[in-house]
Amino acid sequence: MKASELRSKSSDELSAQLHKLLEESFRLRTRKATGQLSQTHLLQQNQRDIARIKTVLREQAK
């Protein structure tokens, strides 16, 4: 996911996508804690996507 793609979306779409990513983050952390997550790079990728969305939302708020 690129920031340029995110900037073309509305704030409602970004908020919905952020909520979905936060839920996915919870699932990934739970799977990691129980030892079921073999693709640990997904945690970092998810966190970066969340940060990108929050950044774009803050830019739009200004």
N, C-alpha and C. Protein backbone atom coordinates (compact mmCIF):
# COMPACT_ATOMS: atom_id res chain seq x y z
N MET A 1 0.85 -1.16 0.00
CA MET A 1 0.00 0.00 0.00
C MET A 1 0.90 1.23 0.00
N LYS A 2 0.60 2.16 -0.91
CA LYS A 2 1.41 3.36 -1.03
C LYS A 2 0.63 4.56 -0.51
N ALA A 3 1.37 5.54 -0.02
CA ALA A 3 0.74 6.74 0.52
C ALA A 3 -0.02 7.49 -0.57
N SER A 4 0.47 7.46 -1.80
CA SER A 4 -0.23 8.15 -2.88
C SER A 4 -1.60 7.53 -3.14
N GLU A 5 -1.70 6.22 -2.99
CA GLU A 5 -3.00 5.55 -3.13
C GLU A 5 -3.94 5.96 -2.01
N LEU A 6 -3.39 6.10 -0.81
CA LEU A 6 -4.21 6.45 0.33
C LEU A 6 -4.72 7.89 0.26
N ARG A 7 -3.91 8.77 -0.30
CA ARG A 7 -4.30 10.18 -0.38
C ARG A 7 -5.49 10.39 -1.31
N SER A 8 -5.73 9.46 -2.21
CA SER A 8 -6.86 9.60 -3.13
C SER A 8 -8.18 9.12 -2.51
N LYS A 9 -8.12 8.53 -1.33
CA LYS A 9 -9.33 8.02 -0.67
C LYS A 9 -9.90 9.06 0.29
N SER A 10 -11.18 8.91 0.60
CA SER A 10 -11.82 9.81 1.55
C SER A 10 -11.46 9.40 2.97
N SER A 11 -11.72 10.30 3.89
CA SER A 11 -11.39 10.02 5.29
C SER A 11 -12.24 8.88 5.85
N ASP A 12 -13.47 8.74 5.36
CA ASP A 12 -14.33 7.63 5.82
C ASP A 12 -13.76 6.28 5.38
N GLU A 13 -13.31 6.23 4.13
CA GLU A 13 -12.70 4.99 3.63
C GLU A 13 -11.43 4.66 4.39
N LEU A 14 -10.64 5.69 4.69
CA LEU A 14 -9.40 5.47 5.43
C LEU A 14 -9.68 4.99 6.85
N SER A 15 -10.69 5.57 7.47
CA SER A 15 -11.05 5.15 8.83
C SER A 15 -11.50 3.70 8.86
N ALA A 16 -12.27 3.31 7.86
CA ALA A 16 -12.74 1.92 7.78
C ALA A 16 -11.56 0.98 7.57
N GLN A 17 -10.64 1.38 6.70
CA GLN A 17 -9.47 0.54 6.43
C GLN A 17 -8.58 0.47 7.67
N LEU A 18 -8.46 1.58 8.40
CA LEU A 18 -7.67 1.59 9.63
C LEU A 18 -8.26 0.63 10.65
N HIS A 19 -9.57 0.65 10.79
CA HIS A 19 -10.25 -0.26 11.73
C HIS A 19 -9.98 -1.71 11.36
N LYS A 20 -10.05 -2.00 10.06
CA LYS A 20 -9.80 -3.37 9.59
C LYS A 20 -8.36 -3.80 9.89
N LEU A 21 -7.41 -2.89 9.68
CA LEU A 21 -6.00 -3.21 9.95
C LEU A 21 -5.73 -3.39 11.44
N LEU A 22 -6.40 -2.62 12.28
CA LEU A 22 -6.22 -2.77 13.72
C LEU A 22 -6.75 -4.13 14.19
N GLU A 23 -7.87 -4.57 13.61
CA GLU A 23 -8.38 -5.90 13.95
C GLU A 23 -7.41 -6.98 13.48
N GLU A 24 -6.86 -6.81 12.28
CA GLU A 24 -5.90 -7.77 11.76
C GLU A 24 -4.64 -7.80 12.62
N SER A 25 -4.23 -6.64 13.11
CA SER A 25 -3.07 -6.56 13.98
C SER A 25 -3.29 -7.37 15.26
N PHE A 26 -4.50 -7.27 15.81
CA PHE A 26 -4.83 -8.05 17.00
C PHE A 26 -4.75 -9.55 16.72
N ARG A 27 -5.30 -9.96 15.58
CA ARG A 27 -5.26 -11.38 15.22
C ARG A 27 -3.82 -11.86 15.04
N LEU A 28 -3.00 -11.05 14.39
CA LEU A 28 -1.60 -11.44 14.17
C LEU A 28 -0.84 -11.56 15.49
N ARG A 29 -1.07 -10.60 16.39
CA ARG A 29 -0.38 -10.66 17.69
C ARG A 29 -0.81 -11.87 18.49
N THR A 30 -2.10 -12.21 18.40
CA THR A 30 -2.60 -13.39 19.10
C THR A 30 -1.98 -14.66 18.54
N ARG A 31 -1.91 -14.74 17.21
CA ARG A 31 -1.30 -15.92 16.58
C ARG A 31 0.18 -16.03 16.91
N LYS A 32 0.86 -14.89 17.02
CA LYS A 32 2.28 -14.93 17.35
C LYS A 32 2.48 -15.41 18.79
N ALA A 33 1.63 -14.95 19.69
CA ALA A 33 1.74 -15.33 21.09
C ALA A 33 1.49 -16.82 21.30
N THR A 34 0.64 -17.40 20.47
CA THR A 34 0.34 -18.82 20.61
C THR A 34 1.27 -19.69 19.77
N GLY A 35 2.16 -19.05 19.02
CA GLY A 35 3.13 -19.80 18.24
C GLY A 35 2.61 -20.30 16.90
N GLN A 36 1.51 -19.76 16.43
CA GLN A 36 0.92 -20.21 15.18
C GLN A 36 1.30 -19.34 13.98
N LEU A 37 2.04 -18.27 14.21
CA LEU A 37 2.38 -17.35 13.13
C LEU A 37 3.76 -17.68 12.59
N SER A 38 3.81 -18.14 11.36
CA SER A 38 5.10 -18.47 10.77
C SER A 38 5.65 -17.30 9.94
N GLN A 39 4.77 -16.43 9.48
CA GLN A 39 5.19 -15.28 8.67
C GLN A 39 5.23 -14.02 9.54
N THR A 40 6.28 -13.89 10.32
CA THR A 40 6.35 -12.80 11.28
C THR A 40 6.50 -11.43 10.62
N HIS A 41 6.90 -11.39 9.36
CA HIS A 41 7.03 -10.11 8.67
C HIS A 41 5.67 -9.42 8.50
N LEU A 42 4.59 -10.16 8.62
CA LEU A 42 3.27 -9.57 8.48
C LEU A 42 2.96 -8.58 9.60
N LEU A 43 3.51 -8.81 10.77
CA LEU A 43 3.31 -7.88 11.89
C LEU A 43 3.87 -6.50 11.56
N GLN A 44 5.11 -6.47 11.10
CA GLN A 44 5.75 -5.20 10.78
C GLN A 44 5.07 -4.52 9.59
N GLN A 45 4.69 -5.28 8.61
CA GLN A 45 4.01 -4.74 7.43
C GLN A 45 2.68 -4.11 7.84
N ASN A 46 1.96 -4.78 8.71
CA ASN A 46 0.68 -4.29 9.19
C ASN A 46 0.85 -2.99 9.96
N GLN A 47 1.85 -2.93 10.83
CA GLN A 47 2.08 -1.73 11.62
C GLN A 47 2.46 -0.55 10.72
N ARG A 48 3.23 -0.80 9.69
CA ARG A 48 3.60 0.28 8.77
C ARG A 48 2.39 0.79 8.00
N ASP A 49 1.51 -0.10 7.61
CA ASP A 49 0.29 0.32 6.91
C ASP A 49 -0.59 1.16 7.82
N ILE A 50 -0.69 0.78 9.08
CA ILE A 50 -1.46 1.55 10.05
C ILE A 50 -0.87 2.95 10.19
N ALA A 51 0.45 3.03 10.29
CA ALA A 51 1.12 4.33 10.43
C ALA A 51 0.89 5.19 9.19
N ARG A 52 0.92 4.59 8.01
CA ARG A 52 0.68 5.35 6.77
C ARG A 52 -0.73 5.93 6.76
N ILE A 53 -1.70 5.13 7.14
CA ILE A 53 -3.08 5.61 7.15
C ILE A 53 -3.26 6.72 8.16
N LYS A 54 -2.68 6.56 9.35
CA LYS A 54 -2.80 7.60 10.37
C LYS A 54 -2.14 8.90 9.90
N THR A 55 -1.04 8.78 9.20
CA THR A 55 -0.36 9.97 8.69
C THR A 55 -1.22 10.70 7.66
N VAL A 56 -1.82 9.96 6.75
CA VAL A 56 -2.66 10.58 5.72
C VAL A 56 -3.90 11.18 6.35
N LEU A 57 -4.49 10.51 7.33
CA LEU A 57 -5.66 11.08 8.02
C LEU A 57 -5.31 12.39 8.71
N ARG A 58 -4.13 12.44 9.30
CA ARG A 58 -3.70 13.67 9.98
C ARG A 58 -3.44 14.78 8.96
N GLU A 59 -2.88 14.43 7.81
CA GLU A 59 -2.66 15.43 6.76
C GLU A 59 -3.99 15.99 6.27
N GLN A 60 -4.98 15.14 6.12
CA GLN A 60 -6.29 15.59 5.64
C GLN A 60 -7.00 16.44 6.67
N ALA A 61 -6.71 16.20 7.95
CA ALA A 61 -7.37 16.96 9.01
C ALA A 61 -6.86 18.40 9.08
N LYS A 62 -5.65 18.61 8.60
CA LYS A 62 -5.07 19.97 8.66
C LYS A 62 -5.62 20.88 7.61
